[in-house]
All heavy atoms as atom14 arrays in JSON, in Angstrom:
{
  "sequence": "MDGGNYMNGPLNNPSFEYLLGSIIKDEISTSINDLFRNKEYSSKKYLT",
  "atom14_mask": [
    [1, 1, 1, 1, 1, 1, 1, 1, 0, 0, 0, 0, 0, 0],
    [1, 1, 1, 1, 1, 1, 1, 1, 0, 0, 0, 0, 0, 0],
    [1, 1, 1, 1, 0, 0, 0, 0, 0, 0, 0, 0, 0, 0],
    [1, 1, 1, 1, 0, 0, 0, 0, 0, 0, 0, 0, 0, 0],
    [1, 1, 1, 1, 1, 1, 1, 1, 0, 0, 0, 0, 0, 0],
    [1, 1, 1, 1, 1, 1, 1, 1, 1, 1, 1, 1, 0, 0],
    [1, 1, 1, 1, 1, 1, 1, 1, 0, 0, 0, 0, 0, 0],
    [1, 1, 1, 1, 1, 1, 1, 1, 0, 0, 0, 0, 0, 0],
    [1, 1, 1, 1, 0, 0, 0, 0, 0, 0, 0, 0, 0, 0],
    [1, 1, 1, 1, 1, 1, 1, 0, 0, 0, 0, 0, 0, 0],
    [1, 1, 1, 1, 1, 1, 1, 1, 0, 0, 0, 0, 0, 0],
    [1, 1, 1, 1, 1, 1, 1, 1, 0, 0, 0, 0, 0, 0],
    [1, 1, 1, 1, 1, 1, 1, 1, 0, 0, 0, 0, 0, 0],
    [1, 1, 1, 1, 1, 1, 1, 0, 0, 0, 0, 0, 0, 0],
    [1, 1, 1, 1, 1, 1, 0, 0, 0, 0, 0, 0, 0, 0],
    [1, 1, 1, 1, 1, 1, 1, 1, 1, 1, 1, 0, 0, 0],
    [1, 1, 1, 1, 1, 1, 1, 1, 1, 0, 0, 0, 0, 0],
    [1, 1, 1, 1, 1, 1, 1, 1, 1, 1, 1, 1, 0, 0],
    [1, 1, 1, 1, 1, 1, 1, 1, 0, 0, 0, 0, 0, 0],
    [1, 1, 1, 1, 1, 1, 1, 1, 0, 0, 0, 0, 0, 0],
    [1, 1, 1, 1, 0, 0, 0, 0, 0, 0, 0, 0, 0, 0],
    [1, 1, 1, 1, 1, 1, 0, 0, 0, 0, 0, 0, 0, 0],
    [1, 1, 1, 1, 1, 1, 1, 1, 0, 0, 0, 0, 0, 0],
    [1, 1, 1, 1, 1, 1, 1, 1, 0, 0, 0, 0, 0, 0],
    [1, 1, 1, 1, 1, 1, 1, 1, 1, 0, 0, 0, 0, 0],
    [1, 1, 1, 1, 1, 1, 1, 1, 0, 0, 0, 0, 0, 0],
    [1, 1, 1, 1, 1, 1, 1, 1, 1, 0, 0, 0, 0, 0],
    [1, 1, 1, 1, 1, 1, 1, 1, 0, 0, 0, 0, 0, 0],
    [1, 1, 1, 1, 1, 1, 0, 0, 0, 0, 0, 0, 0, 0],
    [1, 1, 1, 1, 1, 1, 1, 0, 0, 0, 0, 0, 0, 0],
    [1, 1, 1, 1, 1, 1, 0, 0, 0, 0, 0, 0, 0, 0],
    [1, 1, 1, 1, 1, 1, 1, 1, 0, 0, 0, 0, 0, 0],
    [1, 1, 1, 1, 1, 1, 1, 1, 0, 0, 0, 0, 0, 0],
    [1, 1, 1, 1, 1, 1, 1, 1, 0, 0, 0, 0, 0, 0],
    [1, 1, 1, 1, 1, 1, 1, 1, 0, 0, 0, 0, 0, 0],
    [1, 1, 1, 1, 1, 1, 1, 1, 1, 1, 1, 0, 0, 0],
    [1, 1, 1, 1, 1, 1, 1, 1, 1, 1, 1, 0, 0, 0],
    [1, 1, 1, 1, 1, 1, 1, 1, 0, 0, 0, 0, 0, 0],
    [1, 1, 1, 1, 1, 1, 1, 1, 1, 0, 0, 0, 0, 0],
    [1, 1, 1, 1, 1, 1, 1, 1, 1, 0, 0, 0, 0, 0],
    [1, 1, 1, 1, 1, 1, 1, 1, 1, 1, 1, 1, 0, 0],
    [1, 1, 1, 1, 1, 1, 0, 0, 0, 0, 0, 0, 0, 0],
    [1, 1, 1, 1, 1, 1, 0, 0, 0, 0, 0, 0, 0, 0],
    [1, 1, 1, 1, 1, 1, 1, 1, 1, 0, 0, 0, 0, 0],
    [1, 1, 1, 1, 1, 1, 1, 1, 1, 0, 0, 0, 0, 0],
    [1, 1, 1, 1, 1, 1, 1, 1, 1, 1, 1, 1, 0, 0],
    [1, 1, 1, 1, 1, 1, 1, 1, 0, 0, 0, 0, 0, 0],
    [1, 1, 1, 1, 1, 1, 1, 0, 0, 0, 0, 0, 0, 0]
  ],
  "atom14_positions": [
    [[-1.41, 9.29, -11.48], [-1.98, 10.54, -11.03], [-3.11, 10.33, -10.03], [-3.28, 11.08, -9.07], [-2.5, 11.36, -12.22], [-1.4, 11.68, -13.26], [0.08, 12.41, -12.53], [-0.55, 14.01, -12.04], [0.0, 0.0, 0.0], [0.0, 0.0, 0.0], [0.0, 0.0, 0.0], [0.0, 0.0, 0.0], [0.0, 0.0, 0.0], [0.0, 0.0, 0.0]],
    [[-3.9, 9.3, -10.26], [-5.01, 9.04, -9.34], [-4.55, 8.2, -8.15], [-5.23, 8.1, -7.14], [-6.14, 8.31, -10.05], [-6.82, 9.21, -11.07], [-6.65, 10.43, -10.97], [-7.52, 8.67, -11.94], [0.0, 0.0, 0.0], [0.0, 0.0, 0.0], [0.0, 0.0, 0.0], [0.0, 0.0, 0.0], [0.0, 0.0, 0.0], [0.0, 0.0, 0.0]],
    [[-3.4, 7.54, -8.39], [-2.88, 6.77, -7.27], [-3.04, 5.28, -7.47], [-2.27, 4.5, -6.94], [0.0, 0.0, 0.0], [0.0, 0.0, 0.0], [0.0, 0.0, 0.0], [0.0, 0.0, 0.0], [0.0, 0.0, 0.0], [0.0, 0.0, 0.0], [0.0, 0.0, 0.0], [0.0, 0.0, 0.0], [0.0, 0.0, 0.0], [0.0, 0.0, 0.0]],
    [[-3.99, 4.81, -8.25], [-4.18, 3.38, -8.38], [-4.59, 2.77, -7.06], [-4.76, 3.46, -6.06], [0.0, 0.0, 0.0], [0.0, 0.0, 0.0], [0.0, 0.0, 0.0], [0.0, 0.0, 0.0], [0.0, 0.0, 0.0], [0.0, 0.0, 0.0], [0.0, 0.0, 0.0], [0.0, 0.0, 0.0], [0.0, 0.0, 0.0], [0.0, 0.0, 0.0]],
    [[-4.71, 1.48, -7.02], [-5.13, 0.83, -5.78], [-4.11, 1.0, -4.66], [-4.45, 1.29, -3.53], [-5.37, -0.66, -6.04], [-6.58, -0.88, -6.95], [-7.49, -0.05, -6.95], [-6.57, -1.96, -7.7], [0.0, 0.0, 0.0], [0.0, 0.0, 0.0], [0.0, 0.0, 0.0], [0.0, 0.0, 0.0], [0.0, 0.0, 0.0], [0.0, 0.0, 0.0]],
    [[-2.83, 0.83, -5.04], [-1.84, 0.88, -3.96], [-1.59, 2.29, -3.46], [-1.15, 2.48, -2.34], [-0.51, 0.25, -4.43], [0.12, 0.9, -5.63], [0.91, 2.03, -5.49], [-0.05, 0.36, -6.9], [1.48, 2.62, -6.59], [0.53, 0.94, -8.01], [1.31, 2.07, -7.84], [1.89, 2.66, -8.93], [0.0, 0.0, 0.0], [0.0, 0.0, 0.0]],
    [[-1.89, 3.29, -4.27], [-1.67, 4.65, -3.82], [-2.7, 5.1, -2.79], [-2.49, 6.06, -2.07], [-1.72, 5.62, -5.02], [-0.57, 5.44, -5.99], [0.99, 5.87, -5.23], [0.78, 7.63, -5.07], [0.0, 0.0, 0.0], [0.0, 0.0, 0.0], [0.0, 0.0, 0.0], [0.0, 0.0, 0.0], [0.0, 0.0, 0.0], [0.0, 0.0, 0.0]],
    [[-3.83, 4.43, -2.75], [-4.86, 4.82, -1.81], [-4.78, 4.04, -0.5], [-5.67, 4.1, 0.32], [-6.25, 4.59, -2.44], [-6.47, 5.56, -3.6], [-6.05, 6.7, -3.55], [-7.11, 5.08, -4.66], [0.0, 0.0, 0.0], [0.0, 0.0, 0.0], [0.0, 0.0, 0.0], [0.0, 0.0, 0.0], [0.0, 0.0, 0.0], [0.0, 0.0, 0.0]],
    [[-3.71, 3.3, -0.34], [-3.55, 2.5, 0.87], [-3.22, 3.39, 2.05], [-3.01, 4.58, 1.93], [0.0, 0.0, 0.0], [0.0, 0.0, 0.0], [0.0, 0.0, 0.0], [0.0, 0.0, 0.0], [0.0, 0.0, 0.0], [0.0, 0.0, 0.0], [0.0, 0.0, 0.0], [0.0, 0.0, 0.0], [0.0, 0.0, 0.0], [0.0, 0.0, 0.0]],
    [[-3.17, 2.83, 3.24], [-2.86, 3.6, 4.44], [-1.45, 4.15, 4.39], [-0.57, 3.59, 3.77], [-3.02, 2.55, 5.57], [-2.8, 1.23, 4.91], [-3.37, 1.38, 3.53], [0.0, 0.0, 0.0], [0.0, 0.0, 0.0], [0.0, 0.0, 0.0], [0.0, 0.0, 0.0], [0.0, 0.0, 0.0], [0.0, 0.0, 0.0], [0.0, 0.0, 0.0]],
    [[-1.23, 5.26, 5.07], [0.07, 5.91, 5.05], [1.17, 5.04, 5.64], [2.32, 5.18, 5.29], [-0.01, 7.24, 5.8], [-0.86, 8.32, 5.12], [-0.92, 9.56, 6.01], [-0.28, 8.7, 3.76], [0.0, 0.0, 0.0], [0.0, 0.0, 0.0], [0.0, 0.0, 0.0], [0.0, 0.0, 0.0], [0.0, 0.0, 0.0], [0.0, 0.0, 0.0]],
    [[0.79, 4.15, 6.53], [1.81, 3.32, 7.15], [2.0, 2.0, 6.42], [2.61, 1.08, 6.94], [1.47, 3.06, 8.63], [0.14, 2.3, 8.78], [-0.57, 2.08, 7.79], [-0.18, 1.93, 10.0], [0.0, 0.0, 0.0], [0.0, 0.0, 0.0], [0.0, 0.0, 0.0], [0.0, 0.0, 0.0], [0.0, 0.0, 0.0], [0.0, 0.0, 0.0]],
    [[1.46, 1.89, 5.22], [1.64, 0.67, 4.42], [3.12, 0.47, 4.15], [3.75, 1.32, 3.51], [0.88, 0.83, 3.09], [0.87, -0.48, 2.3], [1.77, -1.3, 2.42], [-0.16, -0.63, 1.48], [0.0, 0.0, 0.0], [0.0, 0.0, 0.0], [0.0, 0.0, 0.0], [0.0, 0.0, 0.0], [0.0, 0.0, 0.0], [0.0, 0.0, 0.0]],
    [[3.73, -0.62, 4.6], [5.17, -0.78, 4.48], [5.6, -1.4, 3.15], [6.78, -1.61, 2.94], [5.48, -1.72, 5.65], [4.27, -2.6, 5.73], [3.09, -1.72, 5.35], [0.0, 0.0, 0.0], [0.0, 0.0, 0.0], [0.0, 0.0, 0.0], [0.0, 0.0, 0.0], [0.0, 0.0, 0.0], [0.0, 0.0, 0.0], [0.0, 0.0, 0.0]],
    [[4.68, -1.73, 2.25], [5.04, -2.46, 1.05], [5.92, -1.63, 0.13], [5.8, -0.41, 0.04], [3.79, -2.89, 0.29], [3.18, -1.79, -0.34], [0.0, 0.0, 0.0], [0.0, 0.0, 0.0], [0.0, 0.0, 0.0], [0.0, 0.0, 0.0], [0.0, 0.0, 0.0], [0.0, 0.0, 0.0], [0.0, 0.0, 0.0], [0.0, 0.0, 0.0]],
    [[6.83, -2.32, -0.55], [7.71, -1.66, -1.49], [6.93, -1.04, -2.64], [7.25, 0.05, -3.11], [8.71, -2.68, -2.04], [9.73, -2.1, -2.99], [10.73, -1.27, -2.51], [9.67, -2.35, -4.34], [11.66, -0.72, -3.37], [10.59, -1.81, -5.2], [11.59, -1.0, -4.72], [0.0, 0.0, 0.0], [0.0, 0.0, 0.0], [0.0, 0.0, 0.0]],
    [[5.87, -1.71, -3.06], [5.06, -1.19, -4.16], [4.39, 0.13, -3.78], [4.32, 1.05, -4.59], [3.99, -2.22, -4.56], [4.54, -3.46, -5.25], [5.13, -4.45, -4.27], [4.99, -4.22, -3.03], [5.73, -5.45, -4.71], [0.0, 0.0, 0.0], [0.0, 0.0, 0.0], [0.0, 0.0, 0.0], [0.0, 0.0, 0.0], [0.0, 0.0, 0.0]],
    [[3.92, 0.21, -2.55], [3.28, 1.45, -2.1], [4.3, 2.59, -2.05], [4.04, 3.71, -2.49], [2.65, 1.25, -0.72], [2.05, 2.52, -0.16], [0.85, 3.03, -0.66], [2.71, 3.22, 0.85], [0.31, 4.2, -0.15], [2.17, 4.4, 1.35], [0.97, 4.88, 0.85], [0.45, 6.05, 1.35], [0.0, 0.0, 0.0], [0.0, 0.0, 0.0]],
    [[5.48, 2.3, -1.51], [6.54, 3.3, -1.45], [6.91, 3.76, -2.85], [7.02, 4.97, -3.11], [7.77, 2.7, -0.75], [9.04, 3.57, -0.76], [8.82, 4.85, 0.02], [10.21, 2.78, -0.19], [0.0, 0.0, 0.0], [0.0, 0.0, 0.0], [0.0, 0.0, 0.0], [0.0, 0.0, 0.0], [0.0, 0.0, 0.0], [0.0, 0.0, 0.0]],
    [[7.1, 2.82, -3.76], [7.47, 3.15, -5.13], [6.41, 4.02, -5.8], [6.7, 5.02, -6.44], [7.7, 1.87, -5.93], [8.11, 2.03, -7.39], [9.39, 2.83, -7.49], [8.3, 0.66, -8.03], [0.0, 0.0, 0.0], [0.0, 0.0, 0.0], [0.0, 0.0, 0.0], [0.0, 0.0, 0.0], [0.0, 0.0, 0.0], [0.0, 0.0, 0.0]],
    [[5.14, 3.63, -5.63], [4.06, 4.39, -6.24], [3.98, 5.8, -5.71], [3.78, 6.76, -6.46], [0.0, 0.0, 0.0], [0.0, 0.0, 0.0], [0.0, 0.0, 0.0], [0.0, 0.0, 0.0], [0.0, 0.0, 0.0], [0.0, 0.0, 0.0], [0.0, 0.0, 0.0], [0.0, 0.0, 0.0], [0.0, 0.0, 0.0], [0.0, 0.0, 0.0]],
    [[4.15, 5.96, -4.41], [4.1, 7.28, -3.79], [5.21, 8.17, -4.32], [5.0, 9.35, -4.62], [4.23, 7.16, -2.27], [3.18, 6.4, -1.74], [0.0, 0.0, 0.0], [0.0, 0.0, 0.0], [0.0, 0.0, 0.0], [0.0, 0.0, 0.0], [0.0, 0.0, 0.0], [0.0, 0.0, 0.0], [0.0, 0.0, 0.0], [0.0, 0.0, 0.0]],
    [[6.41, 7.6, -4.44], [7.55, 8.38, -4.9], [7.37, 8.79, -6.36], [7.66, 9.94, -6.74], [8.86, 7.58, -4.71], [9.16, 7.43, -3.21], [10.02, 8.27, -5.42], [10.34, 6.55, -2.91], [0.0, 0.0, 0.0], [0.0, 0.0, 0.0], [0.0, 0.0, 0.0], [0.0, 0.0, 0.0], [0.0, 0.0, 0.0], [0.0, 0.0, 0.0]],
    [[6.91, 7.87, -7.19], [6.71, 8.18, -8.61], [5.71, 9.33, -8.76], [5.95, 10.27, -9.52], [6.23, 6.95, -9.38], [7.37, 5.93, -9.49], [5.73, 7.33, -10.77], [6.96, 4.62, -10.13], [0.0, 0.0, 0.0], [0.0, 0.0, 0.0], [0.0, 0.0, 0.0], [0.0, 0.0, 0.0], [0.0, 0.0, 0.0], [0.0, 0.0, 0.0]],
    [[4.61, 9.24, -8.04], [3.62, 10.29, -8.12], [4.21, 11.63, -7.68], [4.0, 12.66, -8.34], [2.42, 9.93, -7.23], [1.3, 10.98, -7.26], [0.15, 10.56, -6.38], [-0.97, 11.62, -6.39], [-2.1, 11.27, -5.51], [0.0, 0.0, 0.0], [0.0, 0.0, 0.0], [0.0, 0.0, 0.0], [0.0, 0.0, 0.0], [0.0, 0.0, 0.0]],
    [[4.95, 11.62, -6.6], [5.54, 12.84, -6.07], [6.56, 13.43, -7.02], [6.58, 14.64, -7.29], [6.2, 12.53, -4.72], [6.71, 13.78, -4.01], [6.1, 14.84, -4.22], [7.68, 13.67, -3.27], [0.0, 0.0, 0.0], [0.0, 0.0, 0.0], [0.0, 0.0, 0.0], [0.0, 0.0, 0.0], [0.0, 0.0, 0.0], [0.0, 0.0, 0.0]],
    [[7.42, 12.58, -7.58], [8.47, 13.07, -8.45], [7.93, 13.57, -9.79], [8.45, 14.55, -10.35], [9.52, 11.97, -8.7], [10.37, 11.66, -7.49], [11.1, 12.89, -6.98], [11.57, 13.7, -7.81], [11.2, 13.06, -5.76], [0.0, 0.0, 0.0], [0.0, 0.0, 0.0], [0.0, 0.0, 0.0], [0.0, 0.0, 0.0], [0.0, 0.0, 0.0]],
    [[6.91, 12.93, -10.33], [6.3, 13.41, -11.58], [5.69, 14.78, -11.34], [5.83, 15.7, -12.16], [5.24, 12.42, -12.1], [5.94, 11.17, -12.66], [4.38, 13.06, -13.19], [5.0, 10.11, -13.16], [0.0, 0.0, 0.0], [0.0, 0.0, 0.0], [0.0, 0.0, 0.0], [0.0, 0.0, 0.0], [0.0, 0.0, 0.0], [0.0, 0.0, 0.0]],
    [[4.99, 14.92, -10.23], [4.38, 16.21, -9.9], [5.44, 17.3, -9.76], [5.3, 18.41, -10.28], [3.58, 16.09, -8.6], [3.06, 17.34, -8.22], [0.0, 0.0, 0.0], [0.0, 0.0, 0.0], [0.0, 0.0, 0.0], [0.0, 0.0, 0.0], [0.0, 0.0, 0.0], [0.0, 0.0, 0.0], [0.0, 0.0, 0.0], [0.0, 0.0, 0.0]],
    [[6.56, 16.96, -9.09], [7.64, 17.93, -8.92], [8.27, 18.3, -10.25], [8.55, 19.48, -10.51], [8.72, 17.35, -7.99], [8.16, 17.07, -6.72], [9.88, 18.33, -7.82], [0.0, 0.0, 0.0], [0.0, 0.0, 0.0], [0.0, 0.0, 0.0], [0.0, 0.0, 0.0], [0.0, 0.0, 0.0], [0.0, 0.0, 0.0], [0.0, 0.0, 0.0]],
    [[8.48, 17.3, -11.1], [9.1, 17.56, -12.4], [8.24, 18.48, -13.26], [8.74, 19.39, -13.92], [9.34, 16.24, -13.15], [10.25, 15.43, -12.46], [0.0, 0.0, 0.0], [0.0, 0.0, 0.0], [0.0, 0.0, 0.0], [0.0, 0.0, 0.0], [0.0, 0.0, 0.0], [0.0, 0.0, 0.0], [0.0, 0.0, 0.0], [0.0, 0.0, 0.0]],
    [[6.93, 18.23, -13.24], [6.01, 19.08, -14.02], [6.01, 20.51, -13.49], [6.07, 21.47, -14.24], [4.59, 18.49, -13.99], [4.56, 17.16, -14.77], [3.59, 19.47, -14.59], [3.25, 16.42, -14.66], [0.0, 0.0, 0.0], [0.0, 0.0, 0.0], [0.0, 0.0, 0.0], [0.0, 0.0, 0.0], [0.0, 0.0, 0.0], [0.0, 0.0, 0.0]],
    [[5.97, 20.65, -12.16], [5.98, 21.98, -11.56], [7.27, 22.73, -11.88], [7.27, 23.94, -12.1], [5.81, 21.88, -10.05], [4.41, 21.47, -9.66], [3.46, 21.67, -10.41], [4.27, 20.88, -8.48], [0.0, 0.0, 0.0], [0.0, 0.0, 0.0], [0.0, 0.0, 0.0], [0.0, 0.0, 0.0], [0.0, 0.0, 0.0], [0.0, 0.0, 0.0]],
    [[8.39, 22.0, -11.92], [9.67, 22.63, -12.18], [9.76, 23.21, -13.59], [10.53, 24.13, -13.87], [10.83, 21.65, -11.98], [11.13, 21.43, -10.51], [10.63, 22.23, -9.69], [11.83, 20.46, -10.19], [0.0, 0.0, 0.0], [0.0, 0.0, 0.0], [0.0, 0.0, 0.0], [0.0, 0.0, 0.0], [0.0, 0.0, 0.0], [0.0, 0.0, 0.0]],
    [[8.98, 22.66, -14.49], [9.0, 23.16, -15.87], [8.51, 24.59, -15.96], [8.87, 25.34, -16.86], [8.11, 22.27, -16.76], [8.61, 20.86, -17.04], [7.58, 20.1, -17.84], [9.93, 20.88, -17.78], [0.0, 0.0, 0.0], [0.0, 0.0, 0.0], [0.0, 0.0, 0.0], [0.0, 0.0, 0.0], [0.0, 0.0, 0.0], [0.0, 0.0, 0.0]],
    [[7.68, 24.98, -15.02], [7.05, 26.31, -15.09], [7.45, 27.2, -13.92], [6.78, 28.16, -13.6], [5.52, 26.14, -15.1], [5.06, 25.25, -16.21], [4.72, 23.92, -15.94], [5.0, 25.71, -17.51], [4.31, 23.08, -16.98], [4.58, 24.87, -18.53], [4.23, 23.56, -18.28], [0.0, 0.0, 0.0], [0.0, 0.0, 0.0], [0.0, 0.0, 0.0]],
    [[8.54, 26.86, -13.26], [8.94, 27.63, -12.11], [10.42, 27.95, -12.2], [11.24, 27.07, -12.44], [8.69, 26.84, -10.83], [9.03, 27.63, -9.57], [8.7, 26.79, -8.33], [9.54, 25.61, -8.26], [9.13, 24.44, -7.8], [7.88, 24.28, -7.42], [9.95, 23.39, -7.76], [0.0, 0.0, 0.0], [0.0, 0.0, 0.0], [0.0, 0.0, 0.0]],
    [[10.76, 29.22, -12.04], [12.16, 29.59, -12.04], [12.8, 29.12, -10.76], [12.25, 29.28, -9.68], [12.32, 31.12, -12.15], [11.95, 31.63, -13.53], [12.1, 30.91, -14.51], [11.44, 32.84, -13.58], [0.0, 0.0, 0.0], [0.0, 0.0, 0.0], [0.0, 0.0, 0.0], [0.0, 0.0, 0.0], [0.0, 0.0, 0.0], [0.0, 0.0, 0.0]],
    [[14.01, 28.56, -10.88], [14.71, 28.06, -9.7], [15.73, 29.09, -9.26], [16.45, 29.68, -10.06], [15.4, 26.74, -10.04], [14.41, 25.71, -10.59], [14.87, 24.31, -10.34], [14.68, 23.93, -8.91], [14.81, 22.53, -8.63], [0.0, 0.0, 0.0], [0.0, 0.0, 0.0], [0.0, 0.0, 0.0], [0.0, 0.0, 0.0], [0.0, 0.0, 0.0]],
    [[15.78, 29.33, -7.96], [16.71, 30.31, -7.42], [18.05, 29.66, -7.16], [18.17, 28.45, -7.01], [16.15, 30.89, -6.12], [14.85, 31.65, -6.32], [14.34, 32.23, -5.01], [14.96, 31.91, -3.98], [13.36, 32.97, -5.04], [0.0, 0.0, 0.0], [0.0, 0.0, 0.0], [0.0, 0.0, 0.0], [0.0, 0.0, 0.0], [0.0, 0.0, 0.0]],
    [[19.07, 30.48, -7.11], [20.4, 30.0, -6.79], [20.43, 29.45, -5.36], [19.54, 29.7, -4.55], [21.4, 31.15, -6.87], [21.89, 31.46, -8.26], [21.11, 31.21, -9.37], [23.14, 32.01, -8.43], [21.56, 31.51, -10.63], [23.61, 32.32, -9.69], [22.82, 32.07, -10.8], [23.26, 32.37, -12.04], [0.0, 0.0, 0.0], [0.0, 0.0, 0.0]],
    [[21.5, 28.76, -5.07], [21.73, 28.29, -3.71], [21.69, 29.47, -2.75], [22.05, 30.59, -3.09], [23.1, 27.61, -3.64], [23.52, 27.47, -2.31], [0.0, 0.0, 0.0], [0.0, 0.0, 0.0], [0.0, 0.0, 0.0], [0.0, 0.0, 0.0], [0.0, 0.0, 0.0], [0.0, 0.0, 0.0], [0.0, 0.0, 0.0], [0.0, 0.0, 0.0]],
    [[21.23, 29.2, -1.54], [21.16, 30.25, -0.53], [22.54, 30.66, -0.05], [22.69, 31.65, 0.66], [20.31, 29.8, 0.66], [20.89, 28.64, 1.25], [0.0, 0.0, 0.0], [0.0, 0.0, 0.0], [0.0, 0.0, 0.0], [0.0, 0.0, 0.0], [0.0, 0.0, 0.0], [0.0, 0.0, 0.0], [0.0, 0.0, 0.0], [0.0, 0.0, 0.0]],
    [[23.58, 29.9, -0.42], [24.92, 30.23, 0.01], [25.4, 31.52, -0.64], [25.19, 31.76, -1.82], [25.89, 29.09, -0.36], [25.81, 27.88, 0.54], [26.85, 26.86, 0.14], [26.95, 25.73, 1.13], [25.69, 25.03, 1.33], [0.0, 0.0, 0.0], [0.0, 0.0, 0.0], [0.0, 0.0, 0.0], [0.0, 0.0, 0.0], [0.0, 0.0, 0.0]],
    [[26.01, 32.34, 0.15], [26.65, 33.55, -0.35], [28.05, 33.57, 0.22], [28.26, 33.83, 1.4], [25.88, 34.81, 0.06], [26.48, 36.07, -0.53], [25.67, 37.3, -0.15], [26.28, 38.56, -0.77], [25.53, 39.78, -0.39], [0.0, 0.0, 0.0], [0.0, 0.0, 0.0], [0.0, 0.0, 0.0], [0.0, 0.0, 0.0], [0.0, 0.0, 0.0]],
    [[29.02, 33.26, -0.63], [30.37, 33.09, -0.15], [31.07, 34.41, 0.15], [30.88, 35.41, -0.54], [31.19, 32.29, -1.16], [30.81, 30.82, -1.17], [30.15, 30.27, -2.25], [31.09, 30.01, -0.07], [29.79, 28.93, -2.25], [30.74, 28.69, -0.05], [30.08, 28.14, -1.15], [29.73, 26.83, -1.14], [0.0, 0.0, 0.0], [0.0, 0.0, 0.0]],
    [[31.89, 34.35, 1.19], [32.67, 35.5, 1.64], [34.15, 35.17, 1.59], [34.54, 34.01, 1.74], [32.29, 35.89, 3.07], [30.81, 36.16, 3.35], [30.6, 36.34, 4.85], [30.33, 37.4, 2.59], [0.0, 0.0, 0.0], [0.0, 0.0, 0.0], [0.0, 0.0, 0.0], [0.0, 0.0, 0.0], [0.0, 0.0, 0.0], [0.0, 0.0, 0.0]],
    [[34.99, 36.18, 1.4], [36.42, 35.98, 1.49], [36.85, 36.06, 2.96], [36.06, 36.46, 3.82], [37.17, 37.07, 0.7], [36.9, 38.35, 1.31], [36.7, 37.11, -0.75], [0.0, 0.0, 0.0], [0.0, 0.0, 0.0], [0.0, 0.0, 0.0], [0.0, 0.0, 0.0], [0.0, 0.0, 0.0], [0.0, 0.0, 0.0], [0.0, 0.0, 0.0]]
  ]
}
């Protein structure tokens, strides 16, 4: 949640660890938000 040492690195840090840490933080945040948010159907509306 705080990012740890590698999460506070520069945005252009190419390391795999930095990428992994960023994604984990992002996905956990998204998962938590999804628990309390209604999801809408696909924007597709099919026609005959």
